[in-house]
Amino acid sequence: MNKKFWLSSVLVGLLVAGASAADTYKFDLAHSSVAFTVRHMVIANVRGNFKDFEGTIQYDPADITKSSADVTIKTASIDTDNAQRDAHLRSADFFDAEKFPAITFKSKSVETKGDGFVMNGTLTIRGVSKDVAIPFEILGVVKDPWGGTRLGAHGELTINRMDYGVSWSKSLDTGGLVVSEEVKILLDVEAVKAK
């Protein structure tokens, strides 16, 4: 065998092995949540979540900075335990779920920050894409009783909804808005390693 060809084959093999070091995990919807909280009339927090979403994590345990995530959230699945409010949130005043059926996040990079990590990526709401940084922590990787492997992660970020065209608003006579511009998003993920 040609020595140069053999060396090239070894190098390609090492590159392929390095590229496939990340394991693929799929969100377990029964044990994951995409939730949010927003201030109402300045004095109270209203909480809600999305019932329908999917996500994939490429997790490299040897180097988490080589990991990535891809998430799709169905806007029509918003749930705040109030049917009238949910209908308003699905309308053109807020998410316009008929025209924009999905919120998406696609990561670009992961970096170490302090004791945790930050996932940088593009968040798209109502067709508007913005770069965001999501601080997160890996809660652990365990074997489940059914022979699978599960990964747990938690992340939080705060966005300004106006940046994404979610701009319905009314001012209070005493100052402030009926619905605040800032929205806190909380991500709790349990994902199962693909076999």
C-alpha atoms as a PDB file:
ATOM      1  CA  MET A   1       0.000   0.000   0.000  1.00  0.00           C
ATOM      2  CA  ASN A   2       1.214   3.461  -0.891  1.00  0.00           C
ATOM      3  CA  LYS A   3       2.584   5.079   2.294  1.00  0.00           C
ATOM      4  CA  LYS A   4       1.135   8.505   1.412  1.00  0.00           C
ATOM      5  CA  PHE A   5      -2.300   6.969   0.754  1.00  0.00           C
ATOM      6  CA  TRP A   6      -2.168   5.067   4.059  1.00  0.00           C
ATOM      7  CA  LEU A   7      -1.245   8.231   6.000  1.00  0.00           C
ATOM      8  CA  SER A   8      -4.101  10.155   4.320  1.00  0.00           C
ATOM      9  CA  SER A   9      -6.545   7.380   5.220  1.00  0.00           C
ATOM     10  CA  VAL A  10      -5.475   7.490   8.869  1.00  0.00           C
ATOM     11  CA  LEU A  11      -5.853  11.280   9.001  1.00  0.00           C
ATOM     12  CA  VAL A  12      -9.306  11.135   7.418  1.00  0.00           C
ATOM     13  CA  GLY A  13     -10.287   8.422   9.905  1.00  0.00           C
ATOM     14  CA  LEU A  14      -9.159  10.574  12.825  1.00  0.00           C
ATOM     15  CA  LEU A  15     -11.062  13.565  11.480  1.00  0.00           C
ATOM     16  CA  VAL A  16     -14.225  11.515  11.050  1.00  0.00           C
ATOM     17  CA  ALA A  17     -13.852  10.081  14.553  1.00  0.00           C
ATOM     18  CA  GLY A  18     -13.427  13.596  15.958  1.00  0.00           C
ATOM     19  CA  ALA A  19     -16.416  14.897  14.021  1.00  0.00           C
ATOM     20  CA  SER A  20     -18.649  12.127  15.344  1.00  0.00           C
ATOM     21  CA  ALA A  21     -17.592  12.521  18.997  1.00  0.00           C
ATOM     22  CA  ALA A  22     -20.849  14.354  19.784  1.00  0.00           C
ATOM     23  CA  ASP A  23     -23.846  12.204  20.674  1.00  0.00           C
ATOM     24  CA  THR A  24     -27.345  13.053  19.412  1.00  0.00           C
ATOM     25  CA  TYR A  25     -30.079  13.577  22.015  1.00  0.00           C
ATOM     26  CA  LYS A  26     -33.782  14.181  21.315  1.00  0.00           C
ATOM     27  CA  PHE A  27     -36.002  16.166  23.683  1.00  0.00           C
ATOM     28  CA  ASP A  28     -38.300  14.062  25.869  1.00  0.00           C
ATOM     29  CA  LEU A  29     -41.415  16.264  25.853  1.00  0.00           C
ATOM     30  CA  ALA A  30     -42.930  14.525  28.879  1.00  0.00           C
ATOM     31  CA  HIS A  31     -40.025  15.738  31.007  1.00  0.00           C
ATOM     32  CA  SER A  32     -39.074  19.018  29.321  1.00  0.00           C
ATOM     33  CA  SER A  33     -40.585  22.488  29.306  1.00  0.00           C
ATOM     34  CA  VAL A  34     -40.312  25.792  27.466  1.00  0.00           C
ATOM     35  CA  ALA A  35     -41.791  28.304  29.879  1.00  0.00           C
ATOM     36  CA  PHE A  36     -41.888  32.076  30.214  1.00  0.00           C
ATOM     37  CA  THR A  37     -42.822  34.772  32.669  1.00  0.00           C
ATOM     38  CA  VAL A  38     -43.838  38.360  31.912  1.00  0.00           C
ATOM     39  CA  ARG A  39     -44.832  41.254  34.163  1.00  0.00           C
ATOM     40  CA  HIS A  40     -48.528  42.237  33.999  1.00  0.00           C
ATOM     41  CA  MET A  41     -49.598  45.767  34.921  1.00  0.00           C
ATOM     42  CA  VAL A  42     -46.218  46.247  36.603  1.00  0.00           C
ATOM     43  CA  ILE A  43     -47.343  44.472  39.782  1.00  0.00           C
ATOM     44  CA  ALA A  44     -47.639  40.756  38.929  1.00  0.00           C
ATOM     45  CA  ASN A  45     -45.901  38.005  36.987  1.00  0.00           C
ATOM     46  CA  VAL A  46     -47.920  35.925  34.524  1.00  0.00           C
ATOM     47  CA  ARG A  47     -46.492  32.531  33.631  1.00  0.00           C
ATOM     48  CA  GLY A  48     -47.052  30.313  30.649  1.00  0.00           C
ATOM     49  CA  ASN A  49     -45.484  27.668  28.480  1.00  0.00           C
ATOM     50  CA  PHE A  50     -45.572  26.062  25.068  1.00  0.00           C
ATOM     51  CA  LYS A  51     -47.030  22.556  24.896  1.00  0.00           C
ATOM     52  CA  ASP A  52     -45.709  21.552  21.464  1.00  0.00           C
ATOM     53  CA  PHE A  53     -41.999  21.733  20.678  1.00  0.00           C
ATOM     54  CA  GLU A  54     -39.112  19.564  19.555  1.00  0.00           C
ATOM     55  CA  GLY A  55     -35.392  19.755  19.852  1.00  0.00           C
ATOM     56  CA  THR A  56     -32.119  18.025  19.161  1.00  0.00           C
ATOM     57  CA  ILE A  57     -28.882  18.381  21.082  1.00  0.00           C
ATOM     58  CA  GLN A  58     -25.488  17.332  19.772  1.00  0.00           C
ATOM     59  CA  TYR A  59     -23.587  16.768  23.021  1.00  0.00           C
ATOM     60  CA  ASP A  60     -19.849  16.231  23.180  1.00  0.00           C
ATOM     61  CA  PRO A  61     -19.011  15.122  26.754  1.00  0.00           C
ATOM     62  CA  ALA A  62     -15.280  15.508  26.134  1.00  0.00           C
ATOM     63  CA  ASP A  63     -15.644  19.141  25.044  1.00  0.00           C
ATOM     64  CA  ILE A  64     -19.008  20.806  25.666  1.00  0.00           C
ATOM     65  CA  THR A  65     -17.960  23.781  23.520  1.00  0.00           C
ATOM     66  CA  LYS A  66     -18.315  21.442  20.528  1.00  0.00           C
ATOM     67  CA  SER A  67     -21.975  20.805  21.384  1.00  0.00           C
ATOM     68  CA  SER A  68     -24.996  22.366  19.639  1.00  0.00           C
ATOM     69  CA  ALA A  69     -28.791  22.591  19.761  1.00  0.00           C
ATOM     70  CA  ASP A  70     -31.692  23.038  17.366  1.00  0.00           C
ATOM     71  CA  VAL A  71     -35.179  23.819  18.726  1.00  0.00           C
ATOM     72  CA  THR A  72     -38.606  24.412  17.126  1.00  0.00           C
ATOM     73  CA  ILE A  73     -41.580  25.650  19.162  1.00  0.00           C
ATOM     74  CA  LYS A  74     -45.151  25.732  17.816  1.00  0.00           C
ATOM     75  CA  THR A  75     -46.591  29.172  18.620  1.00  0.00           C
ATOM     76  CA  ALA A  76     -50.211  27.934  18.585  1.00  0.00           C
ATOM     77  CA  SER A  77     -49.399  25.686  21.545  1.00  0.00           C
ATOM     78  CA  ILE A  78     -49.005  28.615  23.963  1.00  0.00           C
ATOM     79  CA  ASP A  79     -50.789  27.978  27.264  1.00  0.00           C
ATOM     80  CA  THR A  80     -51.245  30.424  30.162  1.00  0.00           C
ATOM     81  CA  ASP A  81     -54.229  28.637  31.745  1.00  0.00           C
ATOM     82  CA  ASN A  82     -56.597  31.263  30.346  1.00  0.00           C
ATOM     83  CA  ALA A  83     -58.344  30.502  27.031  1.00  0.00           C
ATOM     84  CA  GLN A  84     -59.198  34.123  26.239  1.00  0.00           C
ATOM     85  CA  ARG A  85     -55.658  35.327  26.888  1.00  0.00           C
ATOM     86  CA  ASP A  86     -54.179  32.414  24.911  1.00  0.00           C
ATOM     87  CA  ALA A  87     -56.370  33.274  21.915  1.00  0.00           C
ATOM     88  CA  HIS A  88     -55.137  36.874  22.099  1.00  0.00           C
ATOM     89  CA  LEU A  89     -51.507  35.700  22.281  1.00  0.00           C
ATOM     90  CA  ARG A  90     -52.033  33.567  19.157  1.00  0.00           C
ATOM     91  CA  SER A  91     -53.499  36.533  17.276  1.00  0.00           C
ATOM     92  CA  ALA A  92     -51.702  39.087  15.098  1.00  0.00           C
ATOM     93  CA  ASP A  93     -51.348  41.347  18.169  1.00  0.00           C
ATOM     94  CA  PHE A  94     -48.721  38.975  19.534  1.00  0.00           C
ATOM     95  CA  PHE A  95     -47.376  35.804  17.864  1.00  0.00           C
ATOM     96  CA  ASP A  96     -49.632  35.753  14.784  1.00  0.00           C
ATOM     97  CA  ALA A  97     -49.531  31.945  14.986  1.00  0.00           C
ATOM     98  CA  GLU A  98     -51.351  31.415  11.692  1.00  0.00           C
ATOM     99  CA  LYS A  99     -48.761  33.387   9.730  1.00  0.00           C
ATOM    100  CA  PHE A 100     -45.756  32.460  11.895  1.00  0.00           C
ATOM    101  CA  PRO A 101     -46.391  28.922  13.180  1.00  0.00           C
ATOM    102  CA  ALA A 102     -42.958  28.381  14.740  1.00  0.00           C
ATOM    103  CA  ILE A 103     -40.335  29.959  16.953  1.00  0.00           C
ATOM    104  CA  THR A 104     -36.897  28.541  16.213  1.00  0.00           C
ATOM    105  CA  PHE A 105     -33.482  28.547  17.818  1.00  0.00           C
ATOM    106  CA  LYS A 106     -30.328  27.344  16.094  1.00  0.00           C
ATOM    107  CA  SER A 107     -27.040  27.444  17.969  1.00  0.00           C
ATOM    108  CA  LYS A 108     -23.821  28.761  16.492  1.00  0.00           C
ATOM    109  CA  SER A 109     -21.318  28.168  19.284  1.00  0.00           C
ATOM    110  CA  VAL A 110     -20.907  27.213  22.932  1.00  0.00           C
ATOM    111  CA  GLU A 111     -18.458  28.873  25.295  1.00  0.00           C
ATOM    112  CA  THR A 112     -17.407  28.383  28.892  1.00  0.00           C
ATOM    113  CA  LYS A 113     -18.367  31.211  31.227  1.00  0.00           C
ATOM    114  CA  GLY A 114     -17.605  31.049  34.960  1.00  0.00           C
ATOM    115  CA  ASP A 115     -18.953  27.785  36.373  1.00  0.00           C
ATOM    116  CA  GLY A 116     -21.374  27.301  33.475  1.00  0.00           C
ATOM    117  CA  PHE A 117     -21.729  27.674  29.746  1.00  0.00           C
ATOM    118  CA  VAL A 118     -23.284  30.033  27.218  1.00  0.00           C
ATOM    119  CA  MET A 119     -24.914  28.887  23.997  1.00  0.00           C
ATOM    120  CA  ASN A 120     -24.836  31.518  21.264  1.00  0.00           C
ATOM    121  CA  GLY A 121     -27.320  31.242  18.441  1.00  0.00           C
ATOM    122  CA  THR A 122     -30.143  32.704  16.395  1.00  0.00           C
ATOM    123  CA  LEU A 123     -33.637  33.057  17.842  1.00  0.00           C
ATOM    124  CA  THR A 124     -36.430  33.654  15.307  1.00  0.00           C
ATOM    125  CA  ILE A 125     -39.870  34.932  16.347  1.00  0.00           C
ATOM    126  CA  ARG A 126     -42.491  36.272  13.904  1.00  0.00           C
ATOM    127  CA  GLY A 127     -39.925  35.969  11.101  1.00  0.00           C
ATOM    128  CA  VAL A 128     -37.439  38.241  12.910  1.00  0.00           C
ATOM    129  CA  SER A 129     -34.055  36.678  13.661  1.00  0.00           C
ATOM    130  CA  LYS A 130     -31.753  37.958  16.398  1.00  0.00           C
ATOM    131  CA  ASP A 131     -28.560  36.607  17.910  1.00  0.00           C
ATOM    132  CA  VAL A 132     -28.945  35.659  21.573  1.00  0.00           C
ATOM    133  CA  ALA A 133     -26.732  34.199  24.289  1.00  0.00           C
ATOM    134  CA  ILE A 134     -28.327  31.599  26.575  1.00  0.00           C
ATOM    135  CA  PRO A 135     -26.532  30.855  29.862  1.00  0.00           C
ATOM    136  CA  PHE A 136     -27.060  27.165  30.683  1.00  0.00           C
ATOM    137  CA  GLU A 137     -25.872  24.322  32.843  1.00  0.00           C
ATOM    138  CA  ILE A 138     -25.691  20.586  32.249  1.00  0.00           C
ATOM    139  CA  LEU A 139     -27.520  18.938  35.151  1.00  0.00           C
ATOM    140  CA  GLY A 140     -26.153  15.491  34.410  1.00  0.00           C
ATOM    141  CA  VAL A 141     -26.127  12.428  32.183  1.00  0.00           C
ATOM    142  CA  VAL A 142     -27.651   9.201  33.527  1.00  0.00           C
ATOM    143  CA  LYS A 143     -28.660   5.726  32.446  1.00  0.00           C
ATOM    144  CA  ASP A 144     -32.410   5.188  32.714  1.00  0.00           C
ATOM    145  CA  PRO A 145     -34.117   1.912  33.803  1.00  0.00           C
ATOM    146  CA  TRP A 146     -34.955   1.063  30.165  1.00  0.00           C
ATOM    147  CA  GLY A 147     -31.378   0.985  28.908  1.00  0.00           C
ATOM    148  CA  GLY A 148     -31.324   4.523  27.527  1.00  0.00           C
ATOM    149  CA  THR A 149     -29.091   7.471  28.296  1.00  0.00           C
ATOM    150  CA  ARG A 150     -30.587  10.802  29.358  1.00  0.00           C
ATOM    151  CA  LEU A 151     -29.160  14.302  29.485  1.00  0.00           C
ATOM    152  CA  GLY A 152     -30.541  17.101  31.664  1.00  0.00           C
ATOM    153  CA  ALA A 153     -29.974  20.816  31.045  1.00  0.00           C
ATOM    154  CA  HIS A 154     -31.375  24.142  32.260  1.00  0.00           C
ATOM    155  CA  GLY A 155     -31.097  27.547  30.603  1.00  0.00           C
ATOM    156  CA  GLU A 156     -32.584  31.010  31.021  1.00  0.00           C
ATOM    157  CA  LEU A 157     -32.588  34.213  29.016  1.00  0.00           C
ATOM    158  CA  THR A 158     -34.482  37.493  28.930  1.00  0.00           C
ATOM    159  CA  ILE A 159     -35.528  39.091  25.649  1.00  0.00           C
ATOM    160  CA  ASN A 160     -37.324  42.275  24.645  1.00  0.00           C
ATOM    161  CA  ARG A 161     -40.438  41.162  22.759  1.00  0.00           C
ATOM    162  CA  MET A 162     -40.506  44.455  20.829  1.00  0.00           C
ATOM    163  CA  ASP A 163     -37.276  43.391  19.090  1.00  0.00           C
ATOM    164  CA  TYR A 164     -39.264  40.591  17.432  1.00  0.00           C
ATOM    165  CA  GLY A 165     -42.353  42.564  16.454  1.00  0.00           C
ATOM    166  CA  VAL A 166     -44.440  41.216  19.341  1.00  0.00           C
ATOM    167  CA  SER A 167     -45.458  44.782  19.986  1.00  0.00           C
ATOM    168  CA  TRP A 168     -49.050  44.975  21.254  1.00  0.00           C
ATOM    169  CA  SER A 169     -49.095  47.315  24.210  1.00  0.00           C
ATOM    170  CA  LYS A 170     -51.249  49.578  26.330  1.00  0.00           C
ATOM    171  CA  SER A 171     -50.034  52.147  28.809  1.00  0.00           C
ATOM    172  CA  LEU A 172     -51.354  52.471  32.332  1.00  0.00           C
ATOM    173  CA  ASP A 173     -52.533  55.827  33.655  1.00  0.00           C
ATOM    174  CA  THR A 174     -50.060  55.411  36.505  1.00  0.00           C
ATOM    175  CA  GLY A 175     -47.183  54.680  34.115  1.00  0.00           C
ATOM    176  CA  GLY A 176     -45.812  51.389  32.855  1.00  0.00           C
ATOM    177  CA  LEU A 177     -47.330  48.909  30.438  1.00  0.00           C
ATOM    178  CA  VAL A 178     -50.153  46.386  30.717  1.00  0.00           C
ATOM    179  CA  VAL A 179     -47.671  43.788  29.420  1.00  0.00           C
ATOM    180  CA  SER A 180     -43.974  44.431  29.993  1.00  0.00           C
ATOM    181  CA  GLU A 181     -41.553  44.484  27.100  1.00  0.00           C
ATOM    182  CA  GLU A 182     -39.147  42.091  28.824  1.00  0.00           C
ATOM    183  CA  VAL A 183     -39.944  38.382  28.789  1.00  0.00           C
ATOM    184  CA  LYS A 184     -37.983  35.815  30.779  1.00  0.00           C
ATOM    185  CA  ILE A 185     -37.679  32.420  29.104  1.00  0.00           C
ATOM    186  CA  LEU A 186     -36.892  29.277  31.096  1.00  0.00           C
ATOM    187  CA  LEU A 187     -35.741  26.088  29.388  1.00  0.00           C
ATOM    188  CA  ASP A 188     -35.724  22.769  31.215  1.00  0.00           C
ATOM    189  CA  VAL A 189     -34.689  19.880  29.027  1.00  0.00           C
ATOM    190  CA  GLU A 190     -34.462  16.157  29.504  1.00  0.00           C
ATOM    191  CA  ALA A 191     -33.235  14.536  26.314  1.00  0.00           C
ATOM    192  CA  VAL A 192     -32.773  10.904  25.315  1.00  0.00           C
ATOM    193  CA  LYS A 193     -29.713   9.700  23.445  1.00  0.00           C
ATOM    194  CA  ALA A 194     -30.559   8.448  19.985  1.00  0.00           C
ATOM    195  CA  LYS A 195     -29.776   4.760  19.469  1.00  0.00           C
END
